[in-house]
Amino acid sequence: MTAPVKGPASYFPSIEKKYGRPIAEWKDLIRASPLTRHMELVAWLKGEHGLGHGHANALVAHTLAEKA
């Protein structure tokens, strides 16, 4: 039995279902953006790509944590 996914990654299945793009594609967009600050990236995903706040926040948090 596997442990349930926690944290930002717990949003990933619903993000893929709702927006029709794989998580890897969203992460590539975030990495390619000239923006670097968390809330700037969240606002960009919401404004340019129509993501909800929670979904955008989860994607940005998970992607930025990979750099650290």
N, C-alpha and C. Protein backbone atom coordinates (compact mmCIF):
# COMPACT_ATOMS: atom_id res chain seq x y z
N MET A 1 0.84 -1.18 0.00
CA MET A 1 0.00 0.00 0.00
C MET A 1 0.89 1.24 0.00
N THR A 2 0.60 2.20 -0.88
CA THR A 2 1.42 3.41 -0.96
C THR A 2 0.77 4.53 -0.17
N ALA A 3 1.61 5.40 0.34
CA ALA A 3 1.12 6.55 1.10
C ALA A 3 0.49 7.56 0.14
N PRO A 4 -0.55 8.24 0.59
CA PRO A 4 -1.16 9.25 -0.29
C PRO A 4 -0.20 10.41 -0.54
N VAL A 5 -0.31 10.99 -1.72
CA VAL A 5 0.53 12.13 -2.09
C VAL A 5 0.08 13.34 -1.28
N LYS A 6 1.04 14.07 -0.74
CA LYS A 6 0.73 15.26 0.05
C LYS A 6 1.42 16.47 -0.55
N GLY A 7 1.04 17.64 -0.09
CA GLY A 7 1.66 18.87 -0.54
C GLY A 7 1.18 19.27 -1.93
N PRO A 8 1.96 20.13 -2.61
CA PRO A 8 1.55 20.64 -3.92
C PRO A 8 1.24 19.54 -4.94
N ALA A 9 1.99 18.44 -4.89
CA ALA A 9 1.80 17.38 -5.88
C ALA A 9 0.41 16.73 -5.78
N SER A 10 -0.27 16.90 -4.66
CA SER A 10 -1.61 16.32 -4.52
C SER A 10 -2.60 16.97 -5.48
N TYR A 11 -2.28 18.14 -5.98
CA TYR A 11 -3.14 18.84 -6.93
C TYR A 11 -2.94 18.38 -8.37
N PHE A 12 -1.84 17.69 -8.65
CA PHE A 12 -1.46 17.40 -10.03
C PHE A 12 -2.51 16.63 -10.84
N PRO A 13 -3.13 15.58 -10.30
CA PRO A 13 -4.13 14.88 -11.12
C PRO A 13 -5.29 15.79 -11.55
N SER A 14 -5.76 16.64 -10.65
CA SER A 14 -6.87 17.52 -11.01
C SER A 14 -6.43 18.63 -11.96
N ILE A 15 -5.18 19.08 -11.87
CA ILE A 15 -4.66 20.09 -12.80
C ILE A 15 -4.62 19.51 -14.21
N GLU A 16 -4.09 18.31 -14.34
CA GLU A 16 -4.03 17.68 -15.66
C GLU A 16 -5.42 17.46 -16.24
N LYS A 17 -6.33 17.02 -15.42
CA LYS A 17 -7.70 16.77 -15.88
C LYS A 17 -8.40 18.06 -16.30
N LYS A 18 -8.28 19.09 -15.47
CA LYS A 18 -9.02 20.33 -15.72
C LYS A 18 -8.45 21.14 -16.89
N TYR A 19 -7.13 21.19 -17.01
CA TYR A 19 -6.51 22.07 -18.00
C TYR A 19 -5.95 21.34 -19.22
N GLY A 20 -5.95 20.01 -19.19
CA GLY A 20 -5.60 19.22 -20.36
C GLY A 20 -4.13 19.22 -20.76
N ARG A 21 -3.26 19.59 -19.85
CA ARG A 21 -1.82 19.57 -20.13
C ARG A 21 -1.13 18.74 -19.06
N PRO A 22 -0.09 18.01 -19.42
CA PRO A 22 0.66 17.27 -18.40
C PRO A 22 1.44 18.23 -17.49
N ILE A 23 1.71 17.78 -16.29
CA ILE A 23 2.43 18.60 -15.31
C ILE A 23 3.80 19.01 -15.85
N ALA A 24 4.47 18.13 -16.55
CA ALA A 24 5.79 18.45 -17.10
C ALA A 24 5.73 19.66 -18.02
N GLU A 25 4.65 19.78 -18.77
CA GLU A 25 4.50 20.93 -19.67
C GLU A 25 4.32 22.22 -18.88
N TRP A 26 3.52 22.17 -17.82
CA TRP A 26 3.34 23.36 -16.97
C TRP A 26 4.67 23.77 -16.35
N LYS A 27 5.42 22.79 -15.86
CA LYS A 27 6.71 23.10 -15.24
C LYS A 27 7.68 23.70 -16.25
N ASP A 28 7.66 23.19 -17.47
CA ASP A 28 8.52 23.77 -18.52
C ASP A 28 8.16 25.23 -18.78
N LEU A 29 6.86 25.54 -18.80
CA LEU A 29 6.42 26.92 -18.99
C LEU A 29 6.93 27.81 -17.86
N ILE A 30 6.82 27.32 -16.64
CA ILE A 30 7.27 28.10 -15.48
C ILE A 30 8.77 28.34 -15.56
N ARG A 31 9.52 27.31 -15.87
CA ARG A 31 10.99 27.45 -15.96
C ARG A 31 11.41 28.38 -17.10
N ALA A 32 10.64 28.40 -18.18
CA ALA A 32 10.97 29.24 -19.33
C ALA A 32 10.56 30.70 -19.14
N SER A 33 9.72 30.96 -18.17
CA SER A 33 9.25 32.32 -17.93
C SER A 33 10.40 33.20 -17.44
N PRO A 34 10.40 34.47 -17.85
CA PRO A 34 11.42 35.38 -17.33
C PRO A 34 11.14 35.79 -15.87
N LEU A 35 9.94 35.48 -15.39
CA LEU A 35 9.58 35.79 -14.01
C LEU A 35 10.27 34.81 -13.07
N THR A 36 10.60 35.28 -11.87
CA THR A 36 11.30 34.41 -10.92
C THR A 36 10.63 34.35 -9.55
N ARG A 37 9.82 35.34 -9.22
CA ARG A 37 9.20 35.39 -7.89
C ARG A 37 7.92 34.57 -7.88
N HIS A 38 7.70 33.92 -6.76
CA HIS A 38 6.57 33.00 -6.61
C HIS A 38 5.24 33.64 -7.01
N MET A 39 4.89 34.74 -6.40
CA MET A 39 3.58 35.34 -6.65
C MET A 39 3.47 35.94 -8.05
N GLU A 40 4.58 36.38 -8.63
CA GLU A 40 4.56 36.84 -10.02
C GLU A 40 4.20 35.68 -10.95
N LEU A 41 4.80 34.54 -10.70
CA LEU A 41 4.52 33.36 -11.51
C LEU A 41 3.07 32.89 -11.34
N VAL A 42 2.58 32.92 -10.10
CA VAL A 42 1.18 32.53 -9.84
C VAL A 42 0.24 33.46 -10.60
N ALA A 43 0.47 34.76 -10.51
CA ALA A 43 -0.38 35.73 -11.20
C ALA A 43 -0.32 35.53 -12.71
N TRP A 44 0.85 35.22 -13.24
CA TRP A 44 1.02 34.97 -14.67
C TRP A 44 0.24 33.74 -15.11
N LEU A 45 0.34 32.66 -14.37
CA LEU A 45 -0.42 31.45 -14.72
C LEU A 45 -1.92 31.70 -14.66
N LYS A 46 -2.35 32.47 -13.69
CA LYS A 46 -3.78 32.79 -13.58
C LYS A 46 -4.23 33.68 -14.72
N GLY A 47 -3.48 34.72 -15.02
CA GLY A 47 -3.87 35.70 -16.03
C GLY A 47 -3.71 35.21 -17.46
N GLU A 48 -2.60 34.57 -17.75
CA GLU A 48 -2.29 34.15 -19.12
C GLU A 48 -2.84 32.77 -19.48
N HIS A 49 -2.98 31.91 -18.48
CA HIS A 49 -3.35 30.53 -18.76
C HIS A 49 -4.66 30.09 -18.09
N GLY A 50 -5.28 30.99 -17.33
CA GLY A 50 -6.59 30.71 -16.76
C GLY A 50 -6.62 29.71 -15.61
N LEU A 51 -5.49 29.48 -14.96
CA LEU A 51 -5.47 28.57 -13.83
C LEU A 51 -6.09 29.22 -12.61
N GLY A 52 -6.67 28.40 -11.75
CA GLY A 52 -7.15 28.88 -10.46
C GLY A 52 -5.96 29.14 -9.55
N HIS A 53 -6.19 29.88 -8.49
CA HIS A 53 -5.10 30.26 -7.59
C HIS A 53 -4.41 29.05 -6.97
N GLY A 54 -5.19 28.12 -6.45
CA GLY A 54 -4.61 26.95 -5.79
C GLY A 54 -3.77 26.10 -6.73
N HIS A 55 -4.28 25.91 -7.94
CA HIS A 55 -3.54 25.11 -8.93
C HIS A 55 -2.25 25.82 -9.34
N ALA A 56 -2.34 27.11 -9.61
CA ALA A 56 -1.15 27.88 -9.99
C ALA A 56 -0.12 27.87 -8.86
N ASN A 57 -0.59 28.08 -7.64
CA ASN A 57 0.29 28.10 -6.49
C ASN A 57 0.99 26.75 -6.31
N ALA A 58 0.28 25.66 -6.47
CA ALA A 58 0.86 24.32 -6.32
C ALA A 58 1.93 24.07 -7.37
N LEU A 59 1.66 24.43 -8.61
CA LEU A 59 2.64 24.24 -9.69
C LEU A 59 3.91 25.06 -9.43
N VAL A 60 3.73 26.32 -9.07
CA VAL A 60 4.89 27.19 -8.83
C VAL A 60 5.68 26.71 -7.63
N ALA A 61 5.01 26.38 -6.54
CA ALA A 61 5.71 25.93 -5.33
C ALA A 61 6.53 24.67 -5.61
N HIS A 62 5.93 23.71 -6.30
CA HIS A 62 6.63 22.46 -6.59
C HIS A 62 7.81 22.69 -7.53
N THR A 63 7.61 23.52 -8.55
CA THR A 63 8.67 23.79 -9.52
C THR A 63 9.84 24.55 -8.88
N LEU A 64 9.54 25.57 -8.10
CA LEU A 64 10.60 26.35 -7.47
C LEU A 64 11.34 25.54 -6.42
N ALA A 65 10.65 24.62 -5.76
CA ALA A 65 11.30 23.79 -4.74
C ALA A 65 12.33 22.84 -5.37
N GLU A 66 12.14 22.50 -6.63
CA GLU A 66 13.10 21.64 -7.33
C GLU A 66 14.44 22.34 -7.52
N LYS A 67 14.42 23.66 -7.65
CA LYS A 67 15.66 24.42 -7.83
C LYS A 67 16.46 24.50 -6.55
N ALA A 68 15.76 24.51 -5.43
CA ALA A 68 16.42 24.71 -4.12
C ALA A 68 17.20 23.50 -3.66
